[in-house]
PDB file of N, CA and C in Angstrom:
ATOM      1  N   MET A   1      80.275  82.769 115.895  1.00  0.00           N
ATOM      2  CA  MET A   1      79.585  81.503 116.023  1.00  0.00           C
ATOM      3  C   MET A   1      78.356  81.512 115.136  1.00  0.00           C
ATOM      4  N   THR A   2      78.207  80.503 114.325  1.00  0.00           N
ATOM      5  CA  THR A   2      77.059  80.420 113.440  1.00  0.00           C
ATOM      6  C   THR A   2      76.087  79.331 113.873  1.00  0.00           C
ATOM      7  N   ALA A   3      76.387  78.662 114.964  1.00  0.00           N
ATOM      8  CA  ALA A   3      75.531  77.577 115.435  1.00  0.00           C
ATOM      9  C   ALA A   3      74.203  78.119 115.940  1.00  0.00           C
ATOM     10  N   SER A   4      73.189  77.303 115.782  1.00  0.00           N
ATOM     11  CA  SER A   4      71.877  77.612 116.339  1.00  0.00           C
ATOM     12  C   SER A   4      71.826  77.025 117.742  1.00  0.00           C
ATOM     13  N   LEU A   5      71.426  77.833 118.719  1.00  0.00           N
ATOM     14  CA  LEU A   5      71.396  77.369 120.103  1.00  0.00           C
ATOM     15  C   LEU A   5      70.004  77.555 120.679  1.00  0.00           C
ATOM     16  N   LYS A   6      69.446  76.454 121.192  1.00  0.00           N
ATOM     17  CA  LYS A   6      68.152  76.481 121.875  1.00  0.00           C
ATOM     18  C   LYS A   6      68.370  75.953 123.283  1.00  0.00           C
ATOM     19  N   ILE A   7      67.663  76.538 124.241  1.00  0.00           N
ATOM     20  CA  ILE A   7      67.739  76.040 125.614  1.00  0.00           C
ATOM     21  C   ILE A   7      66.323  75.915 126.178  1.00  0.00           C
ATOM     22  N   TYR A   8      66.017  74.725 126.650  1.00  0.00           N
ATOM     23  CA  TYR A   8      64.731  74.446 127.279  1.00  0.00           C
ATOM     24  C   TYR A   8      64.936  74.584 128.785  1.00  0.00           C
ATOM     25  N   THR A   9      64.075  75.381 129.427  1.00  0.00           N
ATOM     26  CA  THR A   9      64.270  75.732 130.830  1.00  0.00           C
ATOM     27  C   THR A   9      62.971  75.671 131.616  1.00  0.00           C
ATOM     28  N   ILE A  10      63.123  75.815 132.940  1.00  0.00           N
ATOM     29  CA  ILE A  10      62.027  76.189 133.829  1.00  0.00           C
ATOM     30  C   ILE A  10      62.581  77.276 134.756  1.00  0.00           C
ATOM     31  N   PRO A  11      61.745  78.178 135.248  1.00  0.00           N
ATOM     32  CA  PRO A  11      62.244  79.314 136.032  1.00  0.00           C
ATOM     33  C   PRO A  11      62.977  78.949 137.320  1.00  0.00           C
ATOM     34  N   THR A  12      62.667  77.821 137.936  1.00  0.00           N
ATOM     35  CA  THR A  12      63.266  77.475 139.230  1.00  0.00           C
ATOM     36  C   THR A  12      64.548  76.656 139.118  1.00  0.00           C
ATOM     37  N   CYS A  13      65.031  76.448 137.916  1.00  0.00           N
ATOM     38  CA  CYS A  13      66.206  75.607 137.674  1.00  0.00           C
ATOM     39  C   CYS A  13      67.487  76.443 137.753  1.00  0.00           C
ATOM     40  N   SER A  14      68.330  76.154 138.738  1.00  0.00           N
ATOM     41  CA  SER A  14      69.562  76.933 138.900  1.00  0.00           C
ATOM     42  C   SER A  14      70.558  76.648 137.773  1.00  0.00           C
ATOM     43  N   ASP A  15      70.618  75.419 137.288  1.00  0.00           N
ATOM     44  CA  ASP A  15      71.514  75.104 136.174  1.00  0.00           C
ATOM     45  C   ASP A  15      71.071  75.847 134.908  1.00  0.00           C
ATOM     46  N   CYS A  16      69.762  76.017 134.736  1.00  0.00           N
ATOM     47  CA  CYS A  16      69.234  76.787 133.604  1.00  0.00           C
ATOM     48  C   CYS A  16      69.697  78.237 133.700  1.00  0.00           C
ATOM     49  N   GLN A  17      69.584  78.814 134.885  1.00  0.00           N
ATOM     50  CA  GLN A  17      69.997  80.203 135.094  1.00  0.00           C
ATOM     51  C   GLN A  17      71.492  80.366 134.834  1.00  0.00           C
ATOM     52  N   HIS A  18      72.273  79.410 135.299  1.00  0.00           N
ATOM     53  CA  HIS A  18      73.716  79.433 135.086  1.00  0.00           C
ATOM     54  C   HIS A  18      74.033  79.398 133.583  1.00  0.00           C
ATOM     55  N   ALA A  19      73.358  78.522 132.846  1.00  0.00           N
ATOM     56  CA  ALA A  19      73.582  78.399 131.405  1.00  0.00           C
ATOM     57  C   ALA A  19      73.238  79.696 130.685  1.00  0.00           C
ATOM     58  N   LYS A  20      72.088  80.275 131.006  1.00  0.00           N
ATOM     59  CA  LYS A  20      71.683  81.521 130.338  1.00  0.00           C
ATOM     60  C   LYS A  20      72.664  82.647 130.650  1.00  0.00           C
ATOM     61  N   ARG A  21      73.112  82.717 131.897  1.00  0.00           N
ATOM     62  CA  ARG A  21      74.090  83.743 132.283  1.00  0.00           C
ATOM     63  C   ARG A  21      75.396  83.546 131.501  1.00  0.00           C
ATOM     64  N   TYR A  22      75.844  82.310 131.395  1.00  0.00           N
ATOM     65  CA  TYR A  22      77.068  82.008 130.652  1.00  0.00           C
ATOM     66  C   TYR A  22      76.929  82.437 129.189  1.00  0.00           C
ATOM     67  N   PHE A  23      75.825  82.075 128.544  1.00  0.00           N
ATOM     68  CA  PHE A  23      75.640  82.423 127.134  1.00  0.00           C
ATOM     69  C   PHE A  23      75.591  83.939 126.947  1.00  0.00           C
ATOM     70  N   LYS A  24      74.946  84.632 127.863  1.00  0.00           N
ATOM     71  CA  LYS A  24      74.906  86.101 127.773  1.00  0.00           C
ATOM     72  C   LYS A  24      76.299  86.697 127.942  1.00  0.00           C
ATOM     73  N   GLU A  25      77.051  86.215 128.936  1.00  0.00           N
ATOM     74  CA  GLU A  25      78.405  86.720 129.171  1.00  0.00           C
ATOM     75  C   GLU A  25      79.312  86.471 127.969  1.00  0.00           C
ATOM     76  N   GLN A  26      79.115  85.338 127.302  1.00  0.00           N
ATOM     77  CA  GLN A  26      79.928  84.984 126.132  1.00  0.00           C
ATOM     78  C   GLN A  26      79.365  85.584 124.838  1.00  0.00           C
ATOM     79  N   GLN A  27      78.260  86.314 124.969  1.00  0.00           N
ATOM     80  CA  GLN A  27      77.580  86.936 123.832  1.00  0.00           C
ATOM     81  C   GLN A  27      77.178  85.898 122.781  1.00  0.00           C
ATOM     82  N   VAL A  28      76.654  84.796 123.277  1.00  0.00           N
ATOM     83  CA  VAL A  28      76.161  83.721 122.413  1.00  0.00           C
ATOM     84  C   VAL A  28      74.643  83.853 122.338  1.00  0.00           C
ATOM     85  N   PRO A  29      74.103  84.152 121.167  1.00  0.00           N
ATOM     86  CA  PRO A  29      72.647  84.258 121.059  1.00  0.00           C
ATOM     87  C   PRO A  29      71.981  82.888 121.210  1.00  0.00           C
ATOM     88  N   TYR A  30      70.856  82.889 121.873  1.00  0.00           N
ATOM     89  CA  TYR A  30      70.116  81.638 122.064  1.00  0.00           C
ATOM     90  C   TYR A  30      68.630  81.934 122.067  1.00  0.00           C
ATOM     91  N   THR A  31      67.856  80.888 121.853  1.00  0.00           N
ATOM     92  CA  THR A  31      66.406  80.972 121.963  1.00  0.00           C
ATOM     93  C   THR A  31      66.008  80.135 123.164  1.00  0.00           C
ATOM     94  N   GLU A  32      65.265  80.748 124.076  1.00  0.00           N
ATOM     95  CA  GLU A  32      64.835  80.049 125.286  1.00  0.00           C
ATOM     96  C   GLU A  32      63.417  79.534 125.119  1.00  0.00           C
ATOM     97  N   TYR A  33      63.201  78.311 125.583  1.00  0.00           N
ATOM     98  CA  TYR A  33      61.882  77.688 125.579  1.00  0.00           C
ATOM     99  C   TYR A  33      61.542  77.327 127.024  1.00  0.00           C
ATOM    100  N   ASP A  34      60.672  78.109 127.640  1.00  0.00           N
ATOM    101  CA  ASP A  34      60.269  77.889 129.032  1.00  0.00           C
ATOM    102  C   ASP A  34      59.178  76.823 129.060  1.00  0.00           C
ATOM    103  N   CYS A  35      59.527  75.668 129.587  1.00  0.00           N
ATOM    104  CA  CYS A  35      58.606  74.523 129.594  1.00  0.00           C
ATOM    105  C   CYS A  35      57.379  74.744 130.466  1.00  0.00           C
ATOM    106  N   THR A  36      57.422  75.725 131.370  1.00  0.00           N
ATOM    107  CA  THR A  36      56.245  76.012 132.189  1.00  0.00           C
ATOM    108  C   THR A  36      55.240  76.871 131.426  1.00  0.00           C
ATOM    109  N   GLN A  37      55.691  77.494 130.361  1.00  0.00           N
ATOM    110  CA  GLN A  37      54.814  78.375 129.582  1.00  0.00           C
ATOM    111  C   GLN A  37      54.083  77.644 128.459  1.00  0.00           C
ATOM    112  N   ASN A  38      54.652  76.525 128.029  1.00  0.00           N
ATOM    113  CA  ASN A  38      54.045  75.804 126.919  1.00  0.00           C
ATOM    114  C   ASN A  38      54.340  74.307 127.078  1.00  0.00           C
ATOM    115  N   PRO A  39      53.317  73.486 127.254  1.00  0.00           N
ATOM    116  CA  PRO A  39      53.535  72.046 127.438  1.00  0.00           C
ATOM    117  C   PRO A  39      54.173  71.384 126.217  1.00  0.00           C
ATOM    118  N   ASP A  40      54.052  71.988 125.049  1.00  0.00           N
ATOM    119  CA  ASP A  40      54.692  71.433 123.859  1.00  0.00           C
ATOM    120  C   ASP A  40      56.209  71.421 124.002  1.00  0.00           C
ATOM    121  N   TYR A  41      56.759  72.399 124.718  1.00  0.00           N
ATOM    122  CA  TYR A  41      58.209  72.449 124.921  1.00  0.00           C
ATOM    123  C   TYR A  41      58.681  71.255 125.752  1.00  0.00           C
ATOM    124  N   ALA A  42      57.926  70.917 126.786  1.00  0.00           N
ATOM    125  CA  ALA A  42      58.277  69.758 127.612  1.00  0.00           C
ATOM    126  C   ALA A  42      58.224  68.478 126.772  1.00  0.00           C
ATOM    127  N   GLU A  43      57.266  68.403 125.878  1.00  0.00           N
ATOM    128  CA  GLU A  43      57.165  67.238 124.991  1.00  0.00           C
ATOM    129  C   GLU A  43      58.357  67.197 124.025  1.00  0.00           C
ATOM    130  N   GLU A  44      58.789  68.353 123.534  1.00  0.00           N
ATOM    131  CA  GLU A  44      59.969  68.399 122.669  1.00  0.00           C
ATOM    132  C   GLU A  44      61.194  67.864 123.410  1.00  0.00           C
ATOM    133  N   VAL A  45      61.346  68.249 124.677  1.00  0.00           N
ATOM    134  CA  VAL A  45      62.463  67.767 125.483  1.00  0.00           C
ATOM    135  C   VAL A  45      62.395  66.248 125.598  1.00  0.00           C
ATOM    136  N   ARG A  46      61.222  65.728 125.869  1.00  0.00           N
ATOM    137  CA  ARG A  46      61.065  64.279 126.001  1.00  0.00           C
ATOM    138  C   ARG A  46      61.422  63.575 124.697  1.00  0.00           C
ATOM    139  N   GLN A  47      61.018  64.144 123.571  1.00  0.00           N
ATOM    140  CA  GLN A  47      61.327  63.527 122.282  1.00  0.00           C
ATOM    141  C   GLN A  47      62.826  63.609 121.975  1.00  0.00           C
ATOM    142  N   LEU A  48      63.466  64.703 122.370  1.00  0.00           N
ATOM    143  CA  LEU A  48      64.901  64.865 122.117  1.00  0.00           C
ATOM    144  C   LEU A  48      65.759  63.954 122.988  1.00  0.00           C
ATOM    145  N   THR A  49      65.333  63.751 124.245  1.00  0.00           N
ATOM    146  CA  THR A  49      66.210  63.103 125.224  1.00  0.00           C
ATOM    147  C   THR A  49      65.666  61.808 125.808  1.00  0.00           C
ATOM    148  N   GLY A  50      64.374  61.569 125.669  1.00  0.00           N
ATOM    149  CA  GLY A  50      63.757  60.426 126.327  1.00  0.00           C
ATOM    150  C   GLY A  50      63.488  60.700 127.796  1.00  0.00           C
ATOM    151  N   LYS A  51      63.773  61.921 128.235  1.00  0.00           N
ATOM    152  CA  LYS A  51      63.588  62.333 129.631  1.00  0.00           C
ATOM    153  C   LYS A  51      62.875  63.670 129.654  1.00  0.00           C
ATOM    154  N   GLN A  52      62.545  64.103 130.844  1.00  0.00           N
ATOM    155  CA  GLN A  52      62.004  65.451 131.000  1.00  0.00           C
ATOM    156  C   GLN A  52      62.897  66.185 131.980  1.00  0.00           C
ATOM    157  N   MET A  53      64.076  66.550 131.492  1.00  0.00           N
ATOM    158  CA  MET A  53      65.058  67.226 132.336  1.00  0.00           C
ATOM    159  C   MET A  53      65.489  68.532 131.677  1.00  0.00           C
ATOM    160  N   VAL A  54      65.700  69.530 132.512  1.00  0.00           N
ATOM    161  CA  VAL A  54      66.200  70.812 132.046  1.00  0.00           C
ATOM    162  C   VAL A  54      67.441  71.179 132.849  1.00  0.00           C
ATOM    163  N   PRO A  55      68.308  71.988 132.304  1.00  0.00           N
ATOM    164  CA  PRO A  55      68.210  72.502 130.944  1.00  0.00           C
ATOM    165  C   PRO A  55      68.536  71.418 129.918  1.00  0.00           C
ATOM    166  N   THR A  56      67.814  71.460 128.838  1.00  0.00           N
ATOM    167  CA  THR A  56      68.181  70.706 127.649  1.00  0.00           C
ATOM    168  C   THR A  56      68.644  71.745 126.654  1.00  0.00           C
ATOM    169  N   ILE A  57      69.865  71.563 126.190  1.00  0.00           N
ATOM    170  CA  ILE A  57      70.496  72.535 125.305  1.00  0.00           C
ATOM    171  C   ILE A  57      70.736  71.855 123.966  1.00  0.00           C
ATOM    172  N   VAL A  58      70.310  72.528 122.891  1.00  0.00           N
ATOM    173  CA  VAL A  58      70.489  71.996 121.548  1.00  0.00           C
ATOM    174  C   VAL A  58      71.342  72.994 120.768  1.00  0.00           C
ATOM    175  N   ILE A  59      72.508  72.516 120.342  1.00  0.00           N
ATOM    176  CA  ILE A  59      73.403  73.335 119.518  1.00  0.00           C
ATOM    177  C   ILE A  59      73.491  72.632 118.169  1.00  0.00           C
ATOM    178  N   ASP A  60      72.903  73.274 117.170  1.00  0.00           N
ATOM    179  CA  ASP A  60      72.724  72.652 115.858  1.00  0.00           C
ATOM    180  C   ASP A  60      72.002  71.321 116.069  1.00  0.00           C
ATOM    181  N   ASP A  61      72.644  70.187 115.838  1.00  0.00           N
ATOM    182  CA  ASP A  61      71.955  68.903 116.014  1.00  0.00           C
ATOM    183  C   ASP A  61      72.481  68.129 117.221  1.00  0.00           C
ATOM    184  N   LYS A  62      73.277  68.774 118.056  1.00  0.00           N
ATOM    185  CA  LYS A  62      73.855  68.139 119.256  1.00  0.00           C
ATOM    186  C   LYS A  62      72.991  68.485 120.460  1.00  0.00           C
ATOM    187  N   VAL A  63      72.580  67.477 121.236  1.00  0.00           N
ATOM    188  CA  VAL A  63      71.674  67.670 122.375  1.00  0.00           C
ATOM    189  C   VAL A  63      72.428  67.378 123.676  1.00  0.00           C
ATOM    190  N   PHE A  64      72.305  68.309 124.626  1.00  0.00           N
ATOM    191  CA  PHE A  64      72.918  68.160 125.946  1.00  0.00           C
ATOM    192  C   PHE A  64      71.830  68.219 127.005  1.00  0.00           C
ATOM    193  N   VAL A  65      71.891  67.312 127.965  1.00  0.00           N
ATOM    194  CA  VAL A  65      70.992  67.355 129.117  1.00  0.00           C
ATOM    195  C   VAL A  65      71.835  67.842 130.285  1.00  0.00           C
ATOM    196  N   GLY A  66      71.514  69.027 130.765  1.00  0.00           N
ATOM    197  CA  GLY A  66      72.310  69.646 131.816  1.00  0.00           C
ATOM    198  C   GLY A  66      73.336  70.590 131.220  1.00  0.00           C
ATOM    199  N   PHE A  67      73.825  71.496 132.065  1.00  0.00           N
ATOM    200  CA  PHE A  67      74.791  72.481 131.588  1.00  0.00           C
ATOM    201  C   PHE A  67      76.171  72.264 132.183  1.00  0.00           C
ATOM    202  N   ALA A  68      76.282  72.291 133.494  1.00  0.00           N
ATOM    203  CA  ALA A  68      77.593  72.265 134.153  1.00  0.00           C
ATOM    204  C   ALA A  68      78.417  71.050 133.731  1.00  0.00           C
ATOM    205  N   ASP A  69      77.810  69.877 133.697  1.00  0.00           N
ATOM    206  CA  ASP A  69      78.544  68.658 133.341  1.00  0.00           C
ATOM    207  C   ASP A  69      78.977  68.643 131.877  1.00  0.00           C
ATOM    208  N   ASN A  70      78.290  69.407 131.048  1.00  0.00           N
ATOM    209  CA  ASN A  70      78.573  69.417 129.615  1.00  0.00           C
ATOM    210  C   ASN A  70      79.340  70.654 129.157  1.00  0.00           C
ATOM    211  N   LEU A  71      79.700  71.529 130.095  1.00  0.00           N
ATOM    212  CA  LEU A  71      80.317  72.800 129.725  1.00  0.00           C
ATOM    213  C   LEU A  71      81.569  72.654 128.863  1.00  0.00           C
ATOM    214  N   PRO A  72      82.492  71.742 129.152  1.00  0.00           N
ATOM    215  CA  PRO A  72      83.675  71.643 128.288  1.00  0.00           C
ATOM    216  C   PRO A  72      83.322  71.382 126.817  1.00  0.00           C
ATOM    217  N   GLU A  73      82.385  70.469 126.580  1.00  0.00           N
ATOM    218  CA  GLU A  73      81.998  70.165 125.197  1.00  0.00           C
ATOM    219  C   GLU A  73      81.219  71.327 124.580  1.00  0.00           C
ATOM    220  N   ILE A  74      80.368  71.983 125.364  1.00  0.00           N
ATOM    221  CA  ILE A  74      79.625  73.141 124.869  1.00  0.00           C
ATOM    222  C   ILE A  74      80.596  74.246 124.468  1.00  0.00           C
ATOM    223  N   ARG A  75      81.599  74.510 125.310  1.00  0.00           N
ATOM    224  CA  ARG A  75      82.608  75.527 124.984  1.00  0.00           C
ATOM    225  C   ARG A  75      83.275  75.219 123.641  1.00  0.00           C
ATOM    226  N   GLU A  76      83.645  73.959 123.438  1.00  0.00           N
ATOM    227  CA  GLU A  76      84.305  73.570 122.193  1.00  0.00           C
ATOM    228  C   GLU A  76      83.417  73.847 120.982  1.00  0.00           C
ATOM    229  N   LEU A  77      82.145  73.508 121.094  1.00  0.00           N
ATOM    230  CA  LEU A  77      81.223  73.712 119.975  1.00  0.00           C
ATOM    231  C   LEU A  77      81.021  75.193 119.673  1.00  0.00           C
ATOM    232  N   LEU A  78      81.131  76.031 120.675  1.00  0.00           N
ATOM    233  CA  LEU A  78      80.850  77.460 120.499  1.00  0.00           C
ATOM    234  C   LEU A  78      82.067  78.262 120.058  1.00  0.00           C
ATOM    235  N   LYS A  79      83.211  77.620 119.922  1.00  0.00           N
ATOM    236  CA  LYS A  79      84.426  78.332 119.475  1.00  0.00           C
ATOM    237  C   LYS A  79      84.278  78.826 118.061  1.00  0.00           C
TER     238      LYS A  79
END
């Protein structure tokens, strides 16, 4: 996989934890942005999605809000 993957998270988000676990199990490298550690990350999420929801996952130029509901499409992109 040559795609760039970013995930915006907060520590108490179970969907975020699920996404990170999935990417690790699939050996998909990602960069995590913890929105509680830097307010700029939360602003990036708002600019990307118009919302402040996590996980926000960015694969190349494709933006997903949430993990479980988007898993089929995420799997396809990561093939």
